[in-house]
Amino acid sequence: MLEVDARFGQRERAAFLVGPPLIGPVAHATGYRLAVLVLLIPMVLALVQARSVRPLPTAPGVKR
């Protein structure tokens, strides 16, 4: 479980470091509002994906 958590941490750091430099040119070319709106696409995709990774149901009488 620890390695899974570490991978998510690495992705968060990568998004934190890579995101702003990618948003800057988009904002310069199209405007700030559209650049921030572009962020909505990966956010919606993340929400859809997060819903699909729910815990599996357990059999009756089995404790986790």
PDB file of N, CA and C in Angstrom:
ATOM      1  N   MET A   1       0.809  -1.196   0.000  1.00  0.00           N
ATOM      2  CA  MET A   1       0.000   0.000   0.000  1.00  0.00           C
ATOM      3  C   MET A   1       0.850   1.257   0.000  1.00  0.00           C
ATOM      4  N   LEU A   2       2.018   1.187   0.618  1.00  0.00           N
ATOM      5  CA  LEU A   2       2.865   2.361   0.721  1.00  0.00           C
ATOM      6  C   LEU A   2       3.358   2.822  -0.649  1.00  0.00           C
ATOM      7  N   GLU A   3       3.689   1.872  -1.533  1.00  0.00           N
ATOM      8  CA  GLU A   3       4.171   2.273  -2.845  1.00  0.00           C
ATOM      9  C   GLU A   3       3.070   2.932  -3.670  1.00  0.00           C
ATOM     10  N   VAL A   4       1.827   2.518  -3.477  1.00  0.00           N
ATOM     11  CA  VAL A   4       0.712   3.162  -4.178  1.00  0.00           C
ATOM     12  C   VAL A   4       0.575   4.602  -3.711  1.00  0.00           C
ATOM     13  N   ASP A   5       0.672   4.803  -2.406  1.00  0.00           N
ATOM     14  CA  ASP A   5       0.590   6.156  -1.862  1.00  0.00           C
ATOM     15  C   ASP A   5       1.749   7.015  -2.357  1.00  0.00           C
ATOM     16  N   ALA A   6       2.933   6.432  -2.459  1.00  0.00           N
ATOM     17  CA  ALA A   6       4.095   7.172  -2.940  1.00  0.00           C
ATOM     18  C   ALA A   6       3.916   7.587  -4.396  1.00  0.00           C
ATOM     19  N   ARG A   7       3.328   6.732  -5.192  1.00  0.00           N
ATOM     20  CA  ARG A   7       3.102   7.085  -6.596  1.00  0.00           C
ATOM     21  C   ARG A   7       2.134   8.258  -6.726  1.00  0.00           C
ATOM     22  N   PHE A   8       1.073   8.245  -5.915  1.00  0.00           N
ATOM     23  CA  PHE A   8       0.141   9.367  -5.964  1.00  0.00           C
ATOM     24  C   PHE A   8       0.828  10.649  -5.529  1.00  0.00           C
ATOM     25  N   GLY A   9       1.712  10.568  -4.554  1.00  0.00           N
ATOM     26  CA  GLY A   9       2.453  11.738  -4.109  1.00  0.00           C
ATOM     27  C   GLY A   9       3.353  12.283  -5.203  1.00  0.00           C
ATOM     28  N   GLN A  10       3.975  11.412  -5.963  1.00  0.00           N
ATOM     29  CA  GLN A  10       4.833  11.851  -7.056  1.00  0.00           C
ATOM     30  C   GLN A  10       4.014  12.529  -8.147  1.00  0.00           C
ATOM     31  N   ARG A  11       2.832  12.023  -8.421  1.00  0.00           N
ATOM     32  CA  ARG A  11       1.983  12.652  -9.439  1.00  0.00           C
ATOM     33  C   ARG A  11       1.538  14.035  -8.998  1.00  0.00           C
ATOM     34  N   GLU A  12       1.234  14.176  -7.714  1.00  0.00           N
ATOM     35  CA  GLU A  12       0.829  15.493  -7.221  1.00  0.00           C
ATOM     36  C   GLU A  12       1.964  16.488  -7.357  1.00  0.00           C
ATOM     37  N   ARG A  13       3.174  16.065  -7.009  1.00  0.00           N
ATOM     38  CA  ARG A  13       4.319  16.974  -7.139  1.00  0.00           C
ATOM     39  C   ARG A  13       4.558  17.331  -8.589  1.00  0.00           C
ATOM     40  N   ALA A  14       4.426  16.364  -9.488  1.00  0.00           N
ATOM     41  CA  ALA A  14       4.634  16.638 -10.906  1.00  0.00           C
ATOM     42  C   ALA A  14       3.603  17.630 -11.415  1.00  0.00           C
ATOM     43  N   ALA A  15       2.353  17.466 -11.013  1.00  0.00           N
ATOM     44  CA  ALA A  15       1.312  18.399 -11.439  1.00  0.00           C
ATOM     45  C   ALA A  15       1.572  19.791 -10.877  1.00  0.00           C
ATOM     46  N   PHE A  16       2.065  19.852  -9.647  1.00  0.00           N
ATOM     47  CA  PHE A  16       2.355  21.137  -9.021  1.00  0.00           C
ATOM     48  C   PHE A  16       3.495  21.856  -9.736  1.00  0.00           C
ATOM     49  N   LEU A  17       4.485  21.109 -10.219  1.00  0.00           N
ATOM     50  CA  LEU A  17       5.633  21.720 -10.869  1.00  0.00           C
ATOM     51  C   LEU A  17       5.418  21.963 -12.359  1.00  0.00           C
ATOM     52  N   VAL A  18       4.657  21.121 -13.011  1.00  0.00           N
ATOM     53  CA  VAL A  18       4.484  21.219 -14.461  1.00  0.00           C
ATOM     54  C   VAL A  18       3.268  22.066 -14.832  1.00  0.00           C
ATOM     55  N   GLY A  19       2.242  22.065 -14.000  1.00  0.00           N
ATOM     56  CA  GLY A  19       1.001  22.758 -14.329  1.00  0.00           C
ATOM     57  C   GLY A  19       1.135  24.248 -14.598  1.00  0.00           C
ATOM     58  N   PRO A  20       1.678  25.023 -13.675  1.00  0.00           N
ATOM     59  CA  PRO A  20       1.749  26.473 -13.904  1.00  0.00           C
ATOM     60  C   PRO A  20       2.517  26.891 -15.156  1.00  0.00           C
ATOM     61  N   PRO A  21       3.677  26.281 -15.484  1.00  0.00           N
ATOM     62  CA  PRO A  21       4.331  26.672 -16.730  1.00  0.00           C
ATOM     63  C   PRO A  21       3.532  26.328 -17.981  1.00  0.00           C
ATOM     64  N   LEU A  22       2.673  25.315 -17.890  1.00  0.00           N
ATOM     65  CA  LEU A  22       1.838  24.991 -19.049  1.00  0.00           C
ATOM     66  C   LEU A  22       0.636  25.916 -19.159  1.00  0.00           C
ATOM     67  N   ILE A  23       0.125  26.366 -18.033  1.00  0.00           N
ATOM     68  CA  ILE A  23      -1.029  27.267 -18.045  1.00  0.00           C
ATOM     69  C   ILE A  23      -0.635  28.657 -18.535  1.00  0.00           C
ATOM     70  N   GLY A  24       0.589  29.089 -18.219  1.00  0.00           N
ATOM     71  CA  GLY A  24       1.052  30.427 -18.584  1.00  0.00           C
ATOM     72  C   GLY A  24       0.932  30.736 -20.075  1.00  0.00           C
ATOM     73  N   PRO A  25       1.499  29.907 -20.963  1.00  0.00           N
ATOM     74  CA  PRO A  25       1.368  30.188 -22.396  1.00  0.00           C
ATOM     75  C   PRO A  25      -0.088  30.158 -22.895  1.00  0.00           C
ATOM     76  N   VAL A  26      -0.879  29.264 -22.315  1.00  0.00           N
ATOM     77  CA  VAL A  26      -2.300  29.216 -22.704  1.00  0.00           C
ATOM     78  C   VAL A  26      -2.980  30.524 -22.302  1.00  0.00           C
ATOM     79  N   ALA A  27      -2.685  31.004 -21.099  1.00  0.00           N
ATOM     80  CA  ALA A  27      -3.270  32.258 -20.635  1.00  0.00           C
ATOM     81  C   ALA A  27      -2.790  33.426 -21.485  1.00  0.00           C
ATOM     82  N   HIS A  28      -1.547  33.394 -21.883  1.00  0.00           N
ATOM     83  CA  HIS A  28      -1.022  34.479 -22.716  1.00  0.00           C
ATOM     84  C   HIS A  28      -1.693  34.495 -24.087  1.00  0.00           C
ATOM     85  N   ALA A  29      -1.957  33.317 -24.628  1.00  0.00           N
ATOM     86  CA  ALA A  29      -2.538  33.234 -25.971  1.00  0.00           C
ATOM     87  C   ALA A  29      -4.046  33.451 -25.976  1.00  0.00           C
ATOM     88  N   THR A  30      -4.742  32.990 -24.944  1.00  0.00           N
ATOM     89  CA  THR A  30      -6.204  33.015 -24.992  1.00  0.00           C
ATOM     90  C   THR A  30      -6.860  33.870 -23.924  1.00  0.00           C
ATOM     91  N   GLY A  31      -6.143  34.170 -22.876  1.00  0.00           N
ATOM     92  CA  GLY A  31      -6.731  34.905 -21.767  1.00  0.00           C
ATOM     93  C   GLY A  31      -6.784  34.045 -20.522  1.00  0.00           C
ATOM     94  N   TYR A  32      -6.811  34.707 -19.403  1.00  0.00           N
ATOM     95  CA  TYR A  32      -6.742  34.013 -18.118  1.00  0.00           C
ATOM     96  C   TYR A  32      -7.965  33.137 -17.866  1.00  0.00           C
ATOM     97  N   ARG A  33      -9.137  33.630 -18.190  1.00  0.00           N
ATOM     98  CA  ARG A  33     -10.354  32.856 -17.907  1.00  0.00           C
ATOM     99  C   ARG A  33     -10.399  31.544 -18.669  1.00  0.00           C
ATOM    100  N   LEU A  34     -10.029  31.572 -19.930  1.00  0.00           N
ATOM    101  CA  LEU A  34     -10.029  30.334 -20.710  1.00  0.00           C
ATOM    102  C   LEU A  34      -8.933  29.389 -20.230  1.00  0.00           C
ATOM    103  N   ALA A  35      -7.804  29.928 -19.816  1.00  0.00           N
ATOM    104  CA  ALA A  35      -6.722  29.082 -19.312  1.00  0.00           C
ATOM    105  C   ALA A  35      -7.153  28.366 -18.039  1.00  0.00           C
ATOM    106  N   VAL A  36      -7.865  29.059 -17.167  1.00  0.00           N
ATOM    107  CA  VAL A  36      -8.351  28.416 -15.947  1.00  0.00           C
ATOM    108  C   VAL A  36      -9.452  27.416 -16.292  1.00  0.00           C
ATOM    109  N   LEU A  37     -10.231  27.715 -17.297  1.00  0.00           N
ATOM    110  CA  LEU A  37     -11.271  26.786 -17.731  1.00  0.00           C
ATOM    111  C   LEU A  37     -10.664  25.504 -18.285  1.00  0.00           C
ATOM    112  N   VAL A  38      -9.476  25.604 -18.871  1.00  0.00           N
ATOM    113  CA  VAL A  38      -8.787  24.415 -19.393  1.00  0.00           C
ATOM    114  C   VAL A  38      -8.481  23.449 -18.251  1.00  0.00           C
ATOM    115  N   LEU A  39      -8.304  23.959 -17.053  1.00  0.00           N
ATOM    116  CA  LEU A  39      -8.057  23.096 -15.898  1.00  0.00           C
ATOM    117  C   LEU A  39      -9.269  22.235 -15.550  1.00  0.00           C
ATOM    118  N   LEU A  40     -10.415  22.660 -15.967  1.00  0.00           N
ATOM    119  CA  LEU A  40     -11.630  21.930 -15.656  1.00  0.00           C
ATOM    120  C   LEU A  40     -11.650  20.544 -16.302  1.00  0.00           C
ATOM    121  N   ILE A  41     -11.064  20.400 -17.468  1.00  0.00           N
ATOM    122  CA  ILE A  41     -11.071  19.121 -18.185  1.00  0.00           C
ATOM    123  C   ILE A  41     -10.366  18.028 -17.389  1.00  0.00           C
ATOM    124  N   PRO A  42      -9.104  18.217 -16.946  1.00  0.00           N
ATOM    125  CA  PRO A  42      -8.494  17.143 -16.161  1.00  0.00           C
ATOM    126  C   PRO A  42      -9.164  16.925 -14.806  1.00  0.00           C
ATOM    127  N   MET A  43      -9.756  17.970 -14.251  1.00  0.00           N
ATOM    128  CA  MET A  43     -10.451  17.802 -12.975  1.00  0.00           C
ATOM    129  C   MET A  43     -11.670  16.905 -13.138  1.00  0.00           C
ATOM    130  N   VAL A  44     -12.429  17.106 -14.193  1.00  0.00           N
ATOM    131  CA  VAL A  44     -13.612  16.276 -14.449  1.00  0.00           C
ATOM    132  C   VAL A  44     -13.183  14.838 -14.742  1.00  0.00           C
ATOM    133  N   LEU A  45     -12.118  14.673 -15.522  1.00  0.00           N
ATOM    134  CA  LEU A  45     -11.631  13.321 -15.802  1.00  0.00           C
ATOM    135  C   LEU A  45     -11.181  12.622 -14.523  1.00  0.00           C
ATOM    136  N   ALA A  46     -10.548  13.350 -13.620  1.00  0.00           N
ATOM    137  CA  ALA A  46     -10.122  12.762 -12.351  1.00  0.00           C
ATOM    138  C   ALA A  46     -11.321  12.345 -11.513  1.00  0.00           C
ATOM    139  N   LEU A  47     -12.369  13.147 -11.514  1.00  0.00           N
ATOM    140  CA  LEU A  47     -13.568  12.785 -10.757  1.00  0.00           C
ATOM    141  C   LEU A  47     -14.239  11.538 -11.323  1.00  0.00           C
ATOM    142  N   VAL A  48     -14.293  11.450 -12.635  1.00  0.00           N
ATOM    143  CA  VAL A  48     -14.892  10.266 -13.266  1.00  0.00           C
ATOM    144  C   VAL A  48     -14.063   9.031 -12.952  1.00  0.00           C
ATOM    145  N   GLN A  49     -12.744   9.164 -13.021  1.00  0.00           N
ATOM    146  CA  GLN A  49     -11.871   8.027 -12.741  1.00  0.00           C
ATOM    147  C   GLN A  49     -11.941   7.641 -11.265  1.00  0.00           C
ATOM    148  N   ALA A  50     -12.025   8.594 -10.384  1.00  0.00           N
ATOM    149  CA  ALA A  50     -12.076   8.296  -8.957  1.00  0.00           C
ATOM    150  C   ALA A  50     -13.325   7.494  -8.600  1.00  0.00           C
ATOM    151  N   ARG A  51     -14.388   7.735  -9.302  1.00  0.00           N
ATOM    152  CA  ARG A  51     -15.613   6.990  -9.024  1.00  0.00           C
ATOM    153  C   ARG A  51     -15.472   5.518  -9.399  1.00  0.00           C
ATOM    154  N   SER A  52     -14.631   5.232 -10.382  1.00  0.00           N
ATOM    155  CA  SER A  52     -14.497   3.856 -10.844  1.00  0.00           C
ATOM    156  C   SER A  52     -13.558   3.025  -9.972  1.00  0.00           C
ATOM    157  N   VAL A  53     -12.862   3.625  -9.036  1.00  0.00           N
ATOM    158  CA  VAL A  53     -11.920   2.881  -8.206  1.00  0.00           C
ATOM    159  C   VAL A  53     -12.418   2.717  -6.777  1.00  0.00           C
ATOM    160  N   ARG A  54     -13.726   2.594  -6.610  1.00  0.00           N
ATOM    161  CA  ARG A  54     -14.304   2.332  -5.287  1.00  0.00           C
ATOM    162  C   ARG A  54     -13.838   0.992  -4.748  1.00  0.00           C
ATOM    163  N   PRO A  55     -13.867   0.824  -3.442  1.00  0.00           N
ATOM    164  CA  PRO A  55     -13.506  -0.483  -2.876  1.00  0.00           C
ATOM    165  C   PRO A  55     -14.488  -1.566  -3.335  1.00  0.00           C
ATOM    166  N   LEU A  56     -13.967  -2.755  -3.504  1.00  0.00           N
ATOM    167  CA  LEU A  56     -14.824  -3.878  -3.876  1.00  0.00           C
ATOM    168  C   LEU A  56     -15.688  -4.301  -2.695  1.00  0.00           C
ATOM    169  N   PRO A  57     -16.895  -4.747  -2.967  1.00  0.00           N
ATOM    170  CA  PRO A  57     -17.720  -5.229  -1.858  1.00  0.00           C
ATOM    171  C   PRO A  57     -17.126  -6.519  -1.291  1.00  0.00           C
ATOM    172  N   THR A  58     -17.260  -6.659   0.002  1.00  0.00           N
ATOM    173  CA  THR A  58     -16.733  -7.871   0.644  1.00  0.00           C
ATOM    174  C   THR A  58     -17.858  -8.881   0.832  1.00  0.00           C
ATOM    175  N   ALA A  59     -17.457 -10.112   0.976  1.00  0.00           N
ATOM    176  CA  ALA A  59     -18.434 -11.175   1.208  1.00  0.00           C
ATOM    177  C   ALA A  59     -19.021 -11.009   2.602  1.00  0.00           C
ATOM    178  N   PRO A  60     -20.265 -11.462   2.817  1.00  0.00           N
ATOM    179  CA  PRO A  60     -20.857 -11.347   4.153  1.00  0.00           C
ATOM    180  C   PRO A  60     -20.029 -12.098   5.188  1.00  0.00           C
ATOM    181  N   GLY A  61     -19.795 -11.464   6.316  1.00  0.00           N
ATOM    182  CA  GLY A  61     -19.059 -12.100   7.411  1.00  0.00           C
ATOM    183  C   GLY A  61     -17.552 -11.945   7.322  1.00  0.00           C
ATOM    184  N   VAL A  62     -17.026 -11.323   6.246  1.00  0.00           N
ATOM    185  CA  VAL A  62     -15.583 -11.147   6.103  1.00  0.00           C
ATOM    186  C   VAL A  62     -15.223  -9.752   6.606  1.00  0.00           C
ATOM    187  N   LYS A  63     -14.252  -9.695   7.506  1.00  0.00           N
ATOM    188  CA  LYS A  63     -13.813  -8.392   8.028  1.00  0.00           C
ATOM    189  C   LYS A  63     -12.563  -7.947   7.282  1.00  0.00           C
ATOM    190  N   ARG A  64     -12.441  -6.661   7.123  1.00  0.00           N
ATOM    191  CA  ARG A  64     -11.251  -6.102   6.480  1.00  0.00           C
ATOM    192  C   ARG A  64     -10.206  -5.772   7.494  1.00  0.00           C
TER     193      ARG A  64
END
